[in-house]
Amino acid sequence: METLSNYLLISSILFSLGLFGVVTRRNGVAVLMGVELILNAANLNFLAFARFGGMNMSGQVYALFVIVLAAAEAAVALAIIINIFNNFN
């Protein structure tokens, strides 16, 4: 049975794992993976509240915006990491 609390439990687990990855890792790529987990937890919350709070499209629009933002953030961060690696190597 699908309930809102099940989605929120999975989202909180994803957020906790992402926060743990951001706080404990020193590798840039691992930190980016943690940030992606945090953003996916936010997406899951948007979609769950959109589904159980009414059938409007605002949750899907917000989730799509977060996905685009995450892709741009990952591209810029990886470009910065590669540029730093090339300058110091």
C-alpha atoms as a PDB file:
ATOM      1  CA  MET A   1       0.000   0.000   0.000  1.00  0.00           C
ATOM      2  CA  GLU A   2       1.356   3.381  -1.005  1.00  0.00           C
ATOM      3  CA  THR A   3       1.088   6.081   1.624  1.00  0.00           C
ATOM      4  CA  LEU A   4       2.677   9.477   2.011  1.00  0.00           C
ATOM      5  CA  SER A   5       4.633   8.319   5.045  1.00  0.00           C
ATOM      6  CA  ASN A   6       6.341   5.584   2.980  1.00  0.00           C
ATOM      7  CA  TYR A   7       7.541   8.147   0.457  1.00  0.00           C
ATOM      8  CA  LEU A   8       8.692  10.494   3.204  1.00  0.00           C
ATOM      9  CA  LEU A   9      10.583   7.666   4.924  1.00  0.00           C
ATOM     10  CA  ILE A  10      12.438   6.790   1.728  1.00  0.00           C
ATOM     11  CA  SER A  11      13.121  10.476   1.099  1.00  0.00           C
ATOM     12  CA  SER A  12      14.519  10.972   4.593  1.00  0.00           C
ATOM     13  CA  ILE A  13      16.804   7.955   4.142  1.00  0.00           C
ATOM     14  CA  LEU A  14      18.068   9.359   0.824  1.00  0.00           C
ATOM     15  CA  PHE A  15      18.599  12.775   2.387  1.00  0.00           C
ATOM     16  CA  SER A  16      20.491  11.281   5.336  1.00  0.00           C
ATOM     17  CA  LEU A  17      22.760   9.247   3.071  1.00  0.00           C
ATOM     18  CA  GLY A  18      23.429  12.301   0.903  1.00  0.00           C
ATOM     19  CA  LEU A  19      24.192  14.498   3.893  1.00  0.00           C
ATOM     20  CA  PHE A  20      26.510  11.838   5.287  1.00  0.00           C
ATOM     21  CA  GLY A  21      28.299  11.682   1.935  1.00  0.00           C
ATOM     22  CA  VAL A  22      28.710  15.452   1.748  1.00  0.00           C
ATOM     23  CA  VAL A  23      29.992  15.795   5.314  1.00  0.00           C
ATOM     24  CA  THR A  24      32.386  12.845   5.415  1.00  0.00           C
ATOM     25  CA  ARG A  25      33.931  12.805   1.939  1.00  0.00           C
ATOM     26  CA  ARG A  26      36.860  14.899   0.765  1.00  0.00           C
ATOM     27  CA  ASN A  27      36.726  13.732  -2.847  1.00  0.00           C
ATOM     28  CA  GLY A  28      34.926  16.235  -5.075  1.00  0.00           C
ATOM     29  CA  VAL A  29      33.079  13.616  -7.078  1.00  0.00           C
ATOM     30  CA  ALA A  30      31.849  11.869  -3.919  1.00  0.00           C
ATOM     31  CA  VAL A  31      30.576  15.186  -2.554  1.00  0.00           C
ATOM     32  CA  LEU A  32      28.722  15.779  -5.827  1.00  0.00           C
ATOM     33  CA  MET A  33      27.156  12.335  -5.517  1.00  0.00           C
ATOM     34  CA  GLY A  34      25.968  13.264  -2.024  1.00  0.00           C
ATOM     35  CA  VAL A  35      24.468  16.503  -3.314  1.00  0.00           C
ATOM     36  CA  GLU A  36      22.670  14.549  -6.032  1.00  0.00           C
ATOM     37  CA  LEU A  37      21.182  12.238  -3.389  1.00  0.00           C
ATOM     38  CA  ILE A  38      19.955  15.265  -1.446  1.00  0.00           C
ATOM     39  CA  LEU A  39      18.367  16.751  -4.559  1.00  0.00           C
ATOM     40  CA  ASN A  40      16.727  13.414  -5.401  1.00  0.00           C
ATOM     41  CA  ALA A  41      15.262  13.310  -1.891  1.00  0.00           C
ATOM     42  CA  ALA A  42      13.792  16.765  -2.497  1.00  0.00           C
ATOM     43  CA  ASN A  43      12.377  15.575  -5.834  1.00  0.00           C
ATOM     44  CA  LEU A  44      10.751  12.610  -4.149  1.00  0.00           C
ATOM     45  CA  ASN A  45       9.144  14.955  -1.620  1.00  0.00           C
ATOM     46  CA  PHE A  46       7.845  17.245  -4.371  1.00  0.00           C
ATOM     47  CA  LEU A  47       6.320  14.346  -6.267  1.00  0.00           C
ATOM     48  CA  ALA A  48       4.842  12.674  -3.186  1.00  0.00           C
ATOM     49  CA  PHE A  49       3.179  15.857  -1.980  1.00  0.00           C
ATOM     50  CA  ALA A  50       1.904  16.572  -5.482  1.00  0.00           C
ATOM     51  CA  ARG A  51       0.387  13.108  -5.690  1.00  0.00           C
ATOM     52  CA  PHE A  52      -1.182  12.955  -2.251  1.00  0.00           C
ATOM     53  CA  GLY A  53      -2.009  16.651  -1.935  1.00  0.00           C
ATOM     54  CA  GLY A  54      -3.983  16.899  -5.138  1.00  0.00           C
ATOM     55  CA  MET A  55      -3.436  16.168  -8.784  1.00  0.00           C
ATOM     56  CA  ASN A  56      -1.840  19.444  -9.780  1.00  0.00           C
ATOM     57  CA  MET A  57       1.302  19.637 -11.866  1.00  0.00           C
ATOM     58  CA  SER A  58       3.293  21.926  -9.589  1.00  0.00           C
ATOM     59  CA  GLY A  59       5.232  19.052  -7.976  1.00  0.00           C
ATOM     60  CA  GLN A  60       6.277  17.704 -11.352  1.00  0.00           C
ATOM     61  CA  VAL A  61       7.332  21.165 -12.537  1.00  0.00           C
ATOM     62  CA  TYR A  62       9.432  21.729  -9.414  1.00  0.00           C
ATOM     63  CA  ALA A  63      11.010  18.289  -9.749  1.00  0.00           C
ATOM     64  CA  LEU A  64      11.876  18.958 -13.396  1.00  0.00           C
ATOM     65  CA  PHE A  65      13.421  22.303 -12.403  1.00  0.00           C
ATOM     66  CA  VAL A  66      15.527  20.594  -9.711  1.00  0.00           C
ATOM     67  CA  ILE A  67      16.712  17.961 -12.213  1.00  0.00           C
ATOM     68  CA  VAL A  68      17.811  20.676 -14.658  1.00  0.00           C
ATOM     69  CA  LEU A  69      19.496  22.579 -11.844  1.00  0.00           C
ATOM     70  CA  ALA A  70      21.308  19.440 -10.669  1.00  0.00           C
ATOM     71  CA  ALA A  71      22.570  18.675 -14.163  1.00  0.00           C
ATOM     72  CA  ALA A  72      23.899  22.206 -14.578  1.00  0.00           C
ATOM     73  CA  GLU A  73      25.496  22.115 -11.128  1.00  0.00           C
ATOM     74  CA  ALA A  74      27.201  18.812 -11.831  1.00  0.00           C
ATOM     75  CA  ALA A  75      28.521  20.019 -15.185  1.00  0.00           C
ATOM     76  CA  VAL A  76      29.936  23.245 -13.742  1.00  0.00           C
ATOM     77  CA  ALA A  77      31.443  21.519 -10.700  1.00  0.00           C
ATOM     78  CA  LEU A  78      33.095  18.799 -12.778  1.00  0.00           C
ATOM     79  CA  ALA A  79      34.494  21.420 -15.149  1.00  0.00           C
ATOM     80  CA  ILE A  80      35.974  23.302 -12.183  1.00  0.00           C
ATOM     81  CA  ILE A  81      37.474  20.085 -10.760  1.00  0.00           C
ATOM     82  CA  ILE A  82      39.030  19.153 -14.127  1.00  0.00           C
ATOM     83  CA  ASN A  83      40.393  22.685 -14.561  1.00  0.00           C
ATOM     84  CA  ILE A  84      41.998  22.631 -11.091  1.00  0.00           C
ATOM     85  CA  PHE A  85      43.471  19.195 -11.784  1.00  0.00           C
ATOM     86  CA  ASN A  86      44.973  20.356 -15.073  1.00  0.00           C
ATOM     87  CA  ASN A  87      46.410  23.540 -13.544  1.00  0.00           C
ATOM     88  CA  PHE A  88      48.146  21.780 -10.655  1.00  0.00           C
ATOM     89  CA  ASN A  89      49.322  18.711 -12.546  1.00  0.00           C
END
